[in-house]
């Protein structure tokens, strides 16, 4: 796999984000020539990485980005809590549809060899175990309605492109609930783990309010694990979509206990049951991922501790993360 990436021109859209930063670091170690496209500014990137601040809603920008590129990891998207997606669905859906279509077509025109599209666990309807082939048998969850359909449409576009041309190999991955450094830690719009970490660290009274009753079960995976899986999947070029998760369900209550234990169990917890917390259970089947030879390297507790340490050391830094099209 090392030779596959060595001296190749690799574009990572959304390369300053949660998964992107991990992926870029690994590509640099594999001696790829890495180009990062993002709307963020002042993000810490490894030496030698070319950064291009670009708005992917404009097709001309995508054409420029994909010239002389061998592989594209299309990670760019708009991330936020289910509550935020419900309140601002248009700001989620429209830019992402534009990102996806523009990047795919620009990559095809510029004869990119391989294109990886990042979908989401949000494409699934709630089920005990979510298998890749089950997606089109149902609709997305009402708790993920707009974001889920947006990712599904992106998948259809990728599949249609593959039927149109055999010259560019297209790949679809569906990550579970991803967390780690460079996540969105805002308590109002972030996902559960970063939001809780922020609450624990910034609690002045020692009290922490948790939304829901803690019974909801999720499939959590560390961002560096997702990046490793993506590298393997791009290399292996599977023809079918691949889930990227832990394959294990963990309750929100357990997550709270892990974070609280890090802080010496010194926080007073309260549960706000007005918020349901969305679907009761969302866990991915990762049989296909394992068949490709992927093995997890870090357990949940260690990954959460690493994320807490990163946030403690970086929360006062100004990375100037772009606010997602709030005025669209």
C-alpha atoms as a PDB file:
ATOM      1  CA  UNK A   1       0.000   0.000   0.000  1.00  0.00           C
ATOM      2  CA  UNK A   2       2.923   2.371   0.638  1.00  0.00           C
ATOM      3  CA  UNK A   3       3.952   2.304  -3.017  1.00  0.00           C
ATOM      4  CA  UNK A   4       0.350   2.963  -4.060  1.00  0.00           C
ATOM      5  CA  UNK A   5       0.430   6.399  -2.384  1.00  0.00           C
ATOM      6  CA  UNK A   6       4.093   7.312  -2.798  1.00  0.00           C
ATOM      7  CA  UNK A   7       4.653  10.394  -5.014  1.00  0.00           C
ATOM      8  CA  UNK A   8       0.974  10.495  -5.991  1.00  0.00           C
ATOM      9  CA  UNK A   9      -0.961  13.765  -6.148  1.00  0.00           C
ATOM     10  CA  UNK A  10      -3.730  13.355  -3.577  1.00  0.00           C
ATOM     11  CA  UNK A  11      -6.502  15.896  -3.007  1.00  0.00           C
ATOM     12  CA  UNK A  12      -8.354  15.906   0.302  1.00  0.00           C
ATOM     13  CA  UNK A  13     -11.433  18.114   0.361  1.00  0.00           C
ATOM     14  CA  UNK A  14     -12.374  19.037   3.904  1.00  0.00           C
ATOM     15  CA  UNK A  15      -8.779  18.229   4.820  1.00  0.00           C
ATOM     16  CA  UNK A  16      -8.802  20.589   7.795  1.00  0.00           C
ATOM     17  CA  UNK A  17     -11.645  18.773   9.532  1.00  0.00           C
ATOM     18  CA  UNK A  18     -12.113  15.952  11.975  1.00  0.00           C
ATOM     19  CA  UNK A  19     -11.186  13.076   9.638  1.00  0.00           C
ATOM     20  CA  UNK A  20      -9.281  15.147   7.112  1.00  0.00           C
ATOM     21  CA  UNK A  21      -6.497  16.238   9.463  1.00  0.00           C
ATOM     22  CA  UNK A  22      -5.817  12.617  10.409  1.00  0.00           C
ATOM     23  CA  UNK A  23      -5.902  11.496   6.785  1.00  0.00           C
ATOM     24  CA  UNK A  24      -3.529  14.241   5.662  1.00  0.00           C
ATOM     25  CA  UNK A  25      -0.985  13.335   8.351  1.00  0.00           C
ATOM     26  CA  UNK A  26      -1.030   9.694   7.251  1.00  0.00           C
ATOM     27  CA  UNK A  27      -0.727  10.576   3.557  1.00  0.00           C
ATOM     28  CA  UNK A  28       2.329  12.714   4.304  1.00  0.00           C
ATOM     29  CA  UNK A  29       3.939   9.743   6.057  1.00  0.00           C
ATOM     30  CA  UNK A  30       3.183   7.663   2.966  1.00  0.00           C
ATOM     31  CA  UNK A  31       5.071  10.327   0.946  1.00  0.00           C
ATOM     32  CA  UNK A  32       2.120  11.516  -1.104  1.00  0.00           C
ATOM     33  CA  UNK A  33       1.999  15.005  -2.553  1.00  0.00           C
ATOM     34  CA  UNK A  34      -1.003  16.275  -0.607  1.00  0.00           C
ATOM     35  CA  UNK A  35      -3.322  19.130  -1.535  1.00  0.00           C
ATOM     36  CA  UNK A  36      -5.957  20.244   0.974  1.00  0.00           C
ATOM     37  CA  UNK A  37      -9.064  22.154  -0.080  1.00  0.00           C
ATOM     38  CA  UNK A  38     -11.123  23.875   2.607  1.00  0.00           C
ATOM     39  CA  UNK A  39     -12.813  27.127   3.564  1.00  0.00           C
ATOM     40  CA  UNK A  40     -11.075  27.155   6.951  1.00  0.00           C
ATOM     41  CA  UNK A  41      -8.112  29.389   7.700  1.00  0.00           C
ATOM     42  CA  UNK A  42      -5.014  29.149   9.898  1.00  0.00           C
ATOM     43  CA  UNK A  43      -5.292  25.396  10.335  1.00  0.00           C
ATOM     44  CA  UNK A  44      -2.136  23.573  11.401  1.00  0.00           C
ATOM     45  CA  UNK A  45      -1.056  21.332   8.516  1.00  0.00           C
ATOM     46  CA  UNK A  46       2.122  19.252   8.086  1.00  0.00           C
ATOM     47  CA  UNK A  47       5.063  20.797   6.286  1.00  0.00           C
ATOM     48  CA  UNK A  48       4.883  20.381   2.527  1.00  0.00           C
ATOM     49  CA  UNK A  49       1.091  20.140   2.315  1.00  0.00           C
ATOM     50  CA  UNK A  50      -0.408  22.578  -0.169  1.00  0.00           C
ATOM     51  CA  UNK A  51      -3.446  24.390   1.190  1.00  0.00           C
ATOM     52  CA  UNK A  52      -6.030  25.951  -1.124  1.00  0.00           C
ATOM     53  CA  UNK A  53      -8.911  27.926   0.330  1.00  0.00           C
ATOM     54  CA  UNK A  54     -11.733  27.073  -2.051  1.00  0.00           C
ATOM     55  CA  UNK A  55     -15.538  27.145  -2.127  1.00  0.00           C
ATOM     56  CA  UNK A  56     -16.687  23.873  -3.707  1.00  0.00           C
ATOM     57  CA  UNK A  57     -20.110  25.291  -4.533  1.00  0.00           C
ATOM     58  CA  UNK A  58     -18.475  26.757  -7.637  1.00  0.00           C
ATOM     59  CA  UNK A  59     -17.657  24.274 -10.403  1.00  0.00           C
ATOM     60  CA  UNK A  60     -14.710  26.284 -11.743  1.00  0.00           C
ATOM     61  CA  UNK A  61     -12.979  25.976  -8.373  1.00  0.00           C
ATOM     62  CA  UNK A  62     -13.414  22.196  -8.457  1.00  0.00           C
ATOM     63  CA  UNK A  63     -11.986  22.005 -11.979  1.00  0.00           C
ATOM     64  CA  UNK A  64      -8.867  23.866 -10.863  1.00  0.00           C
ATOM     65  CA  UNK A  65      -8.442  21.706  -7.773  1.00  0.00           C
ATOM     66  CA  UNK A  66      -8.613  18.371  -9.599  1.00  0.00           C
ATOM     67  CA  UNK A  67      -6.094  19.091 -12.379  1.00  0.00           C
ATOM     68  CA  UNK A  68      -3.243  16.560 -12.376  1.00  0.00           C
ATOM     69  CA  UNK A  69      -4.698  14.795  -9.327  1.00  0.00           C
ATOM     70  CA  UNK A  70      -4.380  11.018  -9.014  1.00  0.00           C
ATOM     71  CA  UNK A  71      -6.708  10.321  -6.067  1.00  0.00           C
ATOM     72  CA  UNK A  72      -9.490  12.365  -4.477  1.00  0.00           C
ATOM     73  CA  UNK A  73     -10.707  11.845  -0.919  1.00  0.00           C
ATOM     74  CA  UNK A  74     -13.927  13.851  -0.874  1.00  0.00           C
ATOM     75  CA  UNK A  75     -14.584  14.542   2.802  1.00  0.00           C
ATOM     76  CA  UNK A  76     -15.979  18.059   2.546  1.00  0.00           C
ATOM     77  CA  UNK A  77     -19.382  18.443   4.117  1.00  0.00           C
ATOM     78  CA  UNK A  78     -21.334  20.237   6.795  1.00  0.00           C
ATOM     79  CA  UNK A  79     -21.234  18.617  10.211  1.00  0.00           C
ATOM     80  CA  UNK A  80     -23.545  19.335  13.087  1.00  0.00           C
ATOM     81  CA  UNK A  81     -25.899  17.850  15.625  1.00  0.00           C
ATOM     82  CA  UNK A  82     -29.232  16.266  14.573  1.00  0.00           C
ATOM     83  CA  UNK A  83     -30.956  19.221  16.261  1.00  0.00           C
ATOM     84  CA  UNK A  84     -29.010  21.678  14.109  1.00  0.00           C
ATOM     85  CA  UNK A  85     -29.803  19.702  10.945  1.00  0.00           C
ATOM     86  CA  UNK A  86     -33.518  19.862  11.773  1.00  0.00           C
ATOM     87  CA  UNK A  87     -33.483  23.614  12.343  1.00  0.00           C
ATOM     88  CA  UNK A  88     -31.367  24.531   9.302  1.00  0.00           C
ATOM     89  CA  UNK A  89     -31.920  21.754   6.742  1.00  0.00           C
ATOM     90  CA  UNK A  90     -31.510  23.978   3.692  1.00  0.00           C
ATOM     91  CA  UNK A  91     -28.102  25.194   4.878  1.00  0.00           C
ATOM     92  CA  UNK A  92     -27.066  21.544   5.162  1.00  0.00           C
ATOM     93  CA  UNK A  93     -28.587  20.117   2.033  1.00  0.00           C
ATOM     94  CA  UNK A  94     -27.937  22.669  -0.698  1.00  0.00           C
ATOM     95  CA  UNK A  95     -24.177  23.220  -0.244  1.00  0.00           C
ATOM     96  CA  UNK A  96     -23.492  19.498   0.145  1.00  0.00           C
ATOM     97  CA  UNK A  97     -25.385  18.590  -3.017  1.00  0.00           C
ATOM     98  CA  UNK A  98     -23.326  21.207  -4.839  1.00  0.00           C
ATOM     99  CA  UNK A  99     -20.027  20.013  -3.292  1.00  0.00           C
ATOM    100  CA  UNK A 100     -20.663  16.429  -4.272  1.00  0.00           C
ATOM    101  CA  UNK A 101     -21.843  16.949  -7.839  1.00  0.00           C
ATOM    102  CA  UNK A 102     -19.150  19.503  -8.649  1.00  0.00           C
ATOM    103  CA  UNK A 103     -16.261  17.480  -7.238  1.00  0.00           C
ATOM    104  CA  UNK A 104     -17.383  14.260  -8.906  1.00  0.00           C
ATOM    105  CA  UNK A 105     -17.823  15.798 -12.344  1.00  0.00           C
ATOM    106  CA  UNK A 106     -14.610  17.837 -12.123  1.00  0.00           C
ATOM    107  CA  UNK A 107     -12.697  14.697 -11.132  1.00  0.00           C
ATOM    108  CA  UNK A 108     -14.165  12.789 -14.087  1.00  0.00           C
ATOM    109  CA  UNK A 109     -13.312  15.537 -16.562  1.00  0.00           C
ATOM    110  CA  UNK A 110      -9.742  15.813 -15.263  1.00  0.00           C
ATOM    111  CA  UNK A 111      -9.248  12.025 -15.416  1.00  0.00           C
ATOM    112  CA  UNK A 112      -8.720  11.418 -11.715  1.00  0.00           C
ATOM    113  CA  UNK A 113      -7.866   7.738 -11.232  1.00  0.00           C
ATOM    114  CA  UNK A 114      -9.841   7.117  -8.010  1.00  0.00           C
ATOM    115  CA  UNK A 115     -12.537   9.080  -6.188  1.00  0.00           C
ATOM    116  CA  UNK A 116     -13.677   8.274  -2.631  1.00  0.00           C
ATOM    117  CA  UNK A 117     -17.010   9.702  -1.514  1.00  0.00           C
ATOM    118  CA  UNK A 118     -17.701  10.068   2.197  1.00  0.00           C
ATOM    119  CA  UNK A 119     -21.301   9.206   2.974  1.00  0.00           C
ATOM    120  CA  UNK A 120     -22.641   8.677   6.502  1.00  0.00           C
ATOM    121  CA  UNK A 121     -24.417   6.418   8.973  1.00  0.00           C
ATOM    122  CA  UNK A 122     -27.244   8.942   8.506  1.00  0.00           C
ATOM    123  CA  UNK A 123     -28.326   7.224   5.276  1.00  0.00           C
ATOM    124  CA  UNK A 124     -29.750   4.311   7.279  1.00  0.00           C
ATOM    125  CA  UNK A 125     -33.148   3.736   8.765  1.00  0.00           C
ATOM    126  CA  UNK A 126     -32.929   2.762  12.461  1.00  0.00           C
ATOM    127  CA  UNK A 127     -32.185  -0.921  12.911  1.00  0.00           C
ATOM    128  CA  UNK A 128     -30.335  -3.070  15.439  1.00  0.00           C
ATOM    129  CA  UNK A 129     -27.507  -3.673  12.964  1.00  0.00           C
ATOM    130  CA  UNK A 130     -27.109  -1.573   9.815  1.00  0.00           C
ATOM    131  CA  UNK A 131     -25.888  -3.542   6.797  1.00  0.00           C
ATOM    132  CA  UNK A 132     -24.754  -1.837   3.597  1.00  0.00           C
ATOM    133  CA  UNK A 133     -27.282  -3.561   1.330  1.00  0.00           C
ATOM    134  CA  UNK A 134     -30.234  -2.542   3.504  1.00  0.00           C
ATOM    135  CA  UNK A 135     -30.054   1.179   2.716  1.00  0.00           C
ATOM    136  CA  UNK A 136     -32.376   1.245  -0.269  1.00  0.00           C
ATOM    137  CA  UNK A 137     -34.999  -0.990   1.331  1.00  0.00           C
ATOM    138  CA  UNK A 138     -36.108   1.863   3.608  1.00  0.00           C
ATOM    139  CA  UNK A 139     -35.960   5.637   4.054  1.00  0.00           C
ATOM    140  CA  UNK A 140     -33.502   7.567   6.271  1.00  0.00           C
ATOM    141  CA  UNK A 141     -34.531   8.157   9.872  1.00  0.00           C
ATOM    142  CA  UNK A 142     -36.803  11.143  10.436  1.00  0.00           C
ATOM    143  CA  UNK A 143     -34.160  12.286  12.928  1.00  0.00           C
ATOM    144  CA  UNK A 144     -31.648  12.461  10.043  1.00  0.00           C
ATOM    145  CA  UNK A 145     -34.076  13.144   7.231  1.00  0.00           C
ATOM    146  CA  UNK A 146     -32.419  15.947   5.234  1.00  0.00           C
ATOM    147  CA  UNK A 147     -28.806  15.042   5.926  1.00  0.00           C
ATOM    148  CA  UNK A 148     -29.581  11.376   5.248  1.00  0.00           C
ATOM    149  CA  UNK A 149     -31.212  12.067   1.903  1.00  0.00           C
ATOM    150  CA  UNK A 150     -28.396  14.416   0.930  1.00  0.00           C
ATOM    151  CA  UNK A 151     -25.810  11.692   1.471  1.00  0.00           C
ATOM    152  CA  UNK A 152     -28.004   9.149  -0.341  1.00  0.00           C
ATOM    153  CA  UNK A 153     -28.310  11.427  -3.374  1.00  0.00           C
ATOM    154  CA  UNK A 154     -24.526  11.815  -3.322  1.00  0.00           C
ATOM    155  CA  UNK A 155     -24.177   8.023  -3.332  1.00  0.00           C
ATOM    156  CA  UNK A 156     -26.560   7.688  -6.288  1.00  0.00           C
ATOM    157  CA  UNK A 157     -24.587  10.288  -8.200  1.00  0.00           C
ATOM    158  CA  UNK A 158     -21.345   8.406  -7.554  1.00  0.00           C
ATOM    159  CA  UNK A 159     -22.913   5.117  -8.683  1.00  0.00           C
ATOM    160  CA  UNK A 160     -24.334   6.756 -11.817  1.00  0.00           C
ATOM    161  CA  UNK A 161     -20.903   8.168 -12.630  1.00  0.00           C
ATOM    162  CA  UNK A 162     -19.363   4.699 -12.315  1.00  0.00           C
ATOM    163  CA  UNK A 163     -21.923   3.357 -14.787  1.00  0.00           C
ATOM    164  CA  UNK A 164     -21.077   6.209 -17.160  1.00  0.00           C
ATOM    165  CA  UNK A 165     -17.297   5.783 -17.110  1.00  0.00           C
ATOM    166  CA  UNK A 166     -14.934   2.985 -16.175  1.00  0.00           C
ATOM    167  CA  UNK A 167     -11.881   5.233 -16.362  1.00  0.00           C
ATOM    168  CA  UNK A 168     -12.352   6.695 -12.866  1.00  0.00           C
ATOM    169  CA  UNK A 169     -12.872   4.226 -10.036  1.00  0.00           C
ATOM    170  CA  UNK A 170     -15.431   5.468  -7.502  1.00  0.00           C
ATOM    171  CA  UNK A 171     -15.715   4.292  -3.898  1.00  0.00           C
ATOM    172  CA  UNK A 172     -18.368   4.918  -1.222  1.00  0.00           C
ATOM    173  CA  UNK A 173     -17.733   4.787   2.527  1.00  0.00           C
ATOM    174  CA  UNK A 174     -20.209   5.266   5.378  1.00  0.00           C
ATOM    175  CA  UNK A 175     -18.558   6.291   8.661  1.00  0.00           C
ATOM    176  CA  UNK A 176     -20.354   5.866  11.988  1.00  0.00           C
ATOM    177  CA  UNK A 177     -20.327   8.518  14.769  1.00  0.00           C
ATOM    178  CA  UNK A 178     -16.833   9.937  14.379  1.00  0.00           C
ATOM    179  CA  UNK A 179     -15.027  11.926  17.088  1.00  0.00           C
ATOM    180  CA  UNK A 180     -11.518  13.194  17.776  1.00  0.00           C
ATOM    181  CA  UNK A 181      -9.253  16.262  17.512  1.00  0.00           C
ATOM    182  CA  UNK A 182     -10.410  19.178  15.330  1.00  0.00           C
ATOM    183  CA  UNK A 183     -14.049  18.246  15.919  1.00  0.00           C
ATOM    184  CA  UNK A 184     -16.786  20.795  16.518  1.00  0.00           C
ATOM    185  CA  UNK A 185     -16.900  21.134  20.325  1.00  0.00           C
ATOM    186  CA  UNK A 186     -19.670  23.709  20.518  1.00  0.00           C
ATOM    187  CA  UNK A 187     -22.195  22.626  23.165  1.00  0.00           C
ATOM    188  CA  UNK A 188     -25.185  23.792  21.088  1.00  0.00           C
ATOM    189  CA  UNK A 189     -24.382  22.299  17.679  1.00  0.00           C
ATOM    190  CA  UNK A 190     -21.780  19.557  18.251  1.00  0.00           C
ATOM    191  CA  UNK A 191     -22.243  15.794  18.346  1.00  0.00           C
ATOM    192  CA  UNK A 192     -22.480  13.999  21.686  1.00  0.00           C
ATOM    193  CA  UNK A 193     -18.838  13.261  22.622  1.00  0.00           C
ATOM    194  CA  UNK A 194     -17.275  16.656  21.799  1.00  0.00           C
ATOM    195  CA  UNK A 195     -20.268  18.472  23.293  1.00  0.00           C
ATOM    196  CA  UNK A 196     -19.946  16.532  26.553  1.00  0.00           C
ATOM    197  CA  UNK A 197     -16.190  17.091  26.706  1.00  0.00           C
ATOM    198  CA  UNK A 198     -16.751  20.822  26.394  1.00  0.00           C
ATOM    199  CA  UNK A 199     -19.410  20.770  29.120  1.00  0.00           C
ATOM    200  CA  UNK A 200     -17.175  18.883  31.541  1.00  0.00           C
ATOM    201  CA  UNK A 201     -14.125  21.077  30.951  1.00  0.00           C
ATOM    202  CA  UNK A 202     -15.950  24.394  31.093  1.00  0.00           C
ATOM    203  CA  UNK A 203     -18.288  23.621  33.992  1.00  0.00           C
ATOM    204  CA  UNK A 204     -17.671  26.303  36.611  1.00  0.00           C
ATOM    205  CA  UNK A 205     -19.899  24.723  39.242  1.00  0.00           C
ATOM    206  CA  UNK A 206     -19.040  21.082  38.634  1.00  0.00           C
ATOM    207  CA  UNK A 207     -22.552  20.416  37.302  1.00  0.00           C
ATOM    208  CA  UNK A 208     -23.078  18.874  33.851  1.00  0.00           C
ATOM    209  CA  UNK A 209     -26.430  18.539  32.095  1.00  0.00           C
ATOM    210  CA  UNK A 210     -26.759  15.644  29.655  1.00  0.00           C
ATOM    211  CA  UNK A 211     -29.496  15.595  27.031  1.00  0.00           C
ATOM    212  CA  UNK A 212     -31.713  12.491  27.041  1.00  0.00           C
ATOM    213  CA  UNK A 213     -31.776   9.660  29.546  1.00  0.00           C
ATOM    214  CA  UNK A 214     -28.510   8.017  28.471  1.00  0.00           C
ATOM    215  CA  UNK A 215     -30.121   4.901  27.025  1.00  0.00           C
ATOM    216  CA  UNK A 216     -29.499   5.690  23.346  1.00  0.00           C
ATOM    217  CA  UNK A 217     -26.888   3.454  21.762  1.00  0.00           C
ATOM    218  CA  UNK A 218     -24.395   4.571  19.117  1.00  0.00           C
ATOM    219  CA  UNK A 219     -21.461   3.212  17.137  1.00  0.00           C
ATOM    220  CA  UNK A 220     -18.511   5.504  17.932  1.00  0.00           C
ATOM    221  CA  UNK A 221     -15.215   5.495  16.062  1.00  0.00           C
ATOM    222  CA  UNK A 222     -12.062   7.592  16.485  1.00  0.00           C
ATOM    223  CA  UNK A 223     -11.107   9.847  13.563  1.00  0.00           C
ATOM    224  CA  UNK A 224      -7.652   8.309  13.102  1.00  0.00           C
ATOM    225  CA  UNK A 225      -9.265   4.879  12.707  1.00  0.00           C
ATOM    226  CA  UNK A 226     -11.556   6.239   9.989  1.00  0.00           C
ATOM    227  CA  UNK A 227      -8.566   7.738   8.182  1.00  0.00           C
ATOM    228  CA  UNK A 228      -6.708   4.408   8.273  1.00  0.00           C
ATOM    229  CA  UNK A 229      -9.768   2.612   6.957  1.00  0.00           C
ATOM    230  CA  UNK A 230     -10.154   5.119   4.117  1.00  0.00           C
ATOM    231  CA  UNK A 231      -6.554   4.616   3.026  1.00  0.00           C
ATOM    232  CA  UNK A 232      -7.059   0.866   2.929  1.00  0.00           C
ATOM    233  CA  UNK A 233     -10.385   1.121   1.113  1.00  0.00           C
ATOM    234  CA  UNK A 234      -9.019   3.492  -1.540  1.00  0.00           C
ATOM    235  CA  UNK A 235      -6.208   1.008  -2.151  1.00  0.00           C
ATOM    236  CA  UNK A 236      -8.486  -2.056  -2.253  1.00  0.00           C
ATOM    237  CA  UNK A 237     -11.113  -0.298  -4.468  1.00  0.00           C
ATOM    238  CA  UNK A 238     -14.217  -2.278  -3.405  1.00  0.00           C
ATOM    239  CA  UNK A 239     -17.156  -2.084  -5.796  1.00  0.00           C
ATOM    240  CA  UNK A 240     -19.752  -1.936  -3.013  1.00  0.00           C
ATOM    241  CA  UNK A 241     -20.228   0.685  -0.235  1.00  0.00           C
ATOM    242  CA  UNK A 242     -18.271   0.031   2.955  1.00  0.00           C
ATOM    243  CA  UNK A 243     -19.310   0.839   6.542  1.00  0.00           C
ATOM    244  CA  UNK A 244     -16.584   2.291   8.759  1.00  0.00           C
ATOM    245  CA  UNK A 245     -17.361   1.878  12.437  1.00  0.00           C
ATOM    246  CA  UNK A 246     -16.519  -0.101  15.528  1.00  0.00           C
ATOM    247  CA  UNK A 247     -19.375  -2.528  14.982  1.00  0.00           C
ATOM    248  CA  UNK A 248     -20.195  -2.159  18.680  1.00  0.00           C
ATOM    249  CA  UNK A 249     -23.014  -0.294  20.362  1.00  0.00           C
ATOM    250  CA  UNK A 250     -22.230   1.953  23.327  1.00  0.00           C
ATOM    251  CA  UNK A 251     -24.817   3.825  25.392  1.00  0.00           C
ATOM    252  CA  UNK A 252     -24.598   7.566  25.957  1.00  0.00           C
ATOM    253  CA  UNK A 253     -24.604   6.768  29.678  1.00  0.00           C
ATOM    254  CA  UNK A 254     -21.392   4.777  29.208  1.00  0.00           C
ATOM    255  CA  UNK A 255     -19.787   7.674  27.327  1.00  0.00           C
ATOM    256  CA  UNK A 256     -20.689  10.023  30.183  1.00  0.00           C
ATOM    257  CA  UNK A 257     -19.175   7.592  32.683  1.00  0.00           C
ATOM    258  CA  UNK A 258     -15.898   7.391  30.724  1.00  0.00           C
ATOM    259  CA  UNK A 259     -15.591  11.185  30.534  1.00  0.00           C
ATOM    260  CA  UNK A 260     -16.568  11.640  34.171  1.00  0.00           C
ATOM    261  CA  UNK A 261     -14.002   9.055  35.224  1.00  0.00           C
ATOM    262  CA  UNK A 262     -11.288  11.018  33.405  1.00  0.00           C
ATOM    263  CA  UNK A 263     -12.141  13.985  35.632  1.00  0.00           C
ATOM    264  CA  UNK A 264     -12.111  11.887  38.796  1.00  0.00           C
ATOM    265  CA  UNK A 265     -15.893  11.466  38.958  1.00  0.00           C
ATOM    266  CA  UNK A 266     -16.080  14.938  40.480  1.00  0.00           C
ATOM    267  CA  UNK A 267     -18.946  16.294  38.385  1.00  0.00           C
ATOM    268  CA  UNK A 268     -22.583  16.321  39.402  1.00  0.00           C
ATOM    269  CA  UNK A 269     -24.682  14.934  36.553  1.00  0.00           C
ATOM    270  CA  UNK A 270     -28.276  15.738  35.604  1.00  0.00           C
ATOM    271  CA  UNK A 271     -30.308  14.268  32.740  1.00  0.00           C
ATOM    272  CA  UNK A 272     -32.589  16.485  30.671  1.00  0.00           C
ATOM    273  CA  UNK A 273     -35.162  14.012  29.406  1.00  0.00           C
ATOM    274  CA  UNK A 274     -36.975  16.624  27.333  1.00  0.00           C
ATOM    275  CA  UNK A 275     -34.496  15.755  24.597  1.00  0.00           C
ATOM    276  CA  UNK A 276     -34.996  12.233  23.258  1.00  0.00           C
ATOM    277  CA  UNK A 277     -31.521  12.017  21.759  1.00  0.00           C
ATOM    278  CA  UNK A 278     -32.806  10.728  18.419  1.00  0.00           C
ATOM    279  CA  UNK A 279     -32.999   7.072  17.389  1.00  0.00           C
ATOM    280  CA  UNK A 280     -32.595   4.492  20.154  1.00  0.00           C
ATOM    281  CA  UNK A 281     -29.928   2.408  18.462  1.00  0.00           C
ATOM    282  CA  UNK A 282     -27.557   2.936  15.507  1.00  0.00           C
ATOM    283  CA  UNK A 283     -24.787   0.364  15.013  1.00  0.00           C
ATOM    284  CA  UNK A 284     -23.005  -0.514  11.777  1.00  0.00           C
ATOM    285  CA  UNK A 285     -22.252  -3.980  10.458  1.00  0.00           C
ATOM    286  CA  UNK A 286     -18.517  -3.948   9.591  1.00  0.00           C
ATOM    287  CA  UNK A 287     -18.171  -7.406   8.036  1.00  0.00           C
ATOM    288  CA  UNK A 288     -17.073  -5.961   4.684  1.00  0.00           C
ATOM    289  CA  UNK A 289     -14.497  -3.721   6.338  1.00  0.00           C
ATOM    290  CA  UNK A 290     -12.997  -6.665   8.209  1.00  0.00           C
ATOM    291  CA  UNK A 291     -12.863  -8.747   5.020  1.00  0.00           C
ATOM    292  CA  UNK A 292     -10.662  -6.054   3.499  1.00  0.00           C
ATOM    293  CA  UNK A 293      -8.189  -6.714   6.312  1.00  0.00           C
ATOM    294  CA  UNK A 294      -8.926  -3.763   8.578  1.00  0.00           C
ATOM    295  CA  UNK A 295      -8.204  -4.098  12.298  1.00  0.00           C
ATOM    296  CA  UNK A 296      -8.966  -1.521  14.989  1.00  0.00           C
ATOM    297  CA  UNK A 297      -5.949  -0.227  16.895  1.00  0.00           C
ATOM    298  CA  UNK A 298      -7.396   1.946  19.671  1.00  0.00           C
ATOM    299  CA  UNK A 299     -10.167   1.294  22.180  1.00  0.00           C
ATOM    300  CA  UNK A 300     -12.968   3.733  22.950  1.00  0.00           C
ATOM    301  CA  UNK A 301     -11.736   4.848  26.372  1.00  0.00           C
ATOM    302  CA  UNK A 302      -8.223   5.659  25.136  1.00  0.00           C
ATOM    303  CA  UNK A 303      -9.632   7.494  22.108  1.00  0.00           C
ATOM    304  CA  UNK A 304     -11.908   9.631  24.303  1.00  0.00           C
ATOM    305  CA  UNK A 305      -9.025  10.441  26.649  1.00  0.00           C
ATOM    306  CA  UNK A 306      -6.874  11.507  23.672  1.00  0.00           C
ATOM    307  CA  UNK A 307      -9.697  13.740  22.458  1.00  0.00           C
ATOM    308  CA  UNK A 308     -10.098  15.340  25.893  1.00  0.00           C
ATOM    309  CA  UNK A 309      -6.342  15.996  26.097  1.00  0.00           C
ATOM    310  CA  UNK A 310      -6.333  17.572  22.642  1.00  0.00           C
ATOM    311  CA  UNK A 311      -9.244  19.864  23.476  1.00  0.00           C
ATOM    312  CA  UNK A 312      -7.687  20.893  26.798  1.00  0.00           C
ATOM    313  CA  UNK A 313      -4.487  21.890  24.996  1.00  0.00           C
ATOM    314  CA  UNK A 314      -6.097  23.563  21.987  1.00  0.00           C
ATOM    315  CA  UNK A 315      -9.426  25.049  23.065  1.00  0.00           C
ATOM    316  CA  UNK A 316      -8.037  28.594  23.263  1.00  0.00           C
ATOM    317  CA  UNK A 317      -6.386  28.488  19.844  1.00  0.00           C
ATOM    318  CA  UNK A 318      -8.073  30.350  17.002  1.00  0.00           C
ATOM    319  CA  UNK A 319      -8.268  27.987  14.068  1.00  0.00           C
ATOM    320  CA  UNK A 320     -10.865  30.183  12.331  1.00  0.00           C
ATOM    321  CA  UNK A 321     -13.148  27.315  11.404  1.00  0.00           C
ATOM    322  CA  UNK A 322     -15.615  28.339   8.715  1.00  0.00           C
ATOM    323  CA  UNK A 323     -19.225  28.666   9.876  1.00  0.00           C
ATOM    324  CA  UNK A 324     -21.371  26.551   7.592  1.00  0.00           C
ATOM    325  CA  UNK A 325     -23.345  28.754   5.226  1.00  0.00           C
ATOM    326  CA  UNK A 326     -25.580  30.151   7.939  1.00  0.00           C
ATOM    327  CA  UNK A 327     -26.648  33.019   5.690  1.00  0.00           C
ATOM    328  CA  UNK A 328     -27.320  30.899   2.598  1.00  0.00           C
END
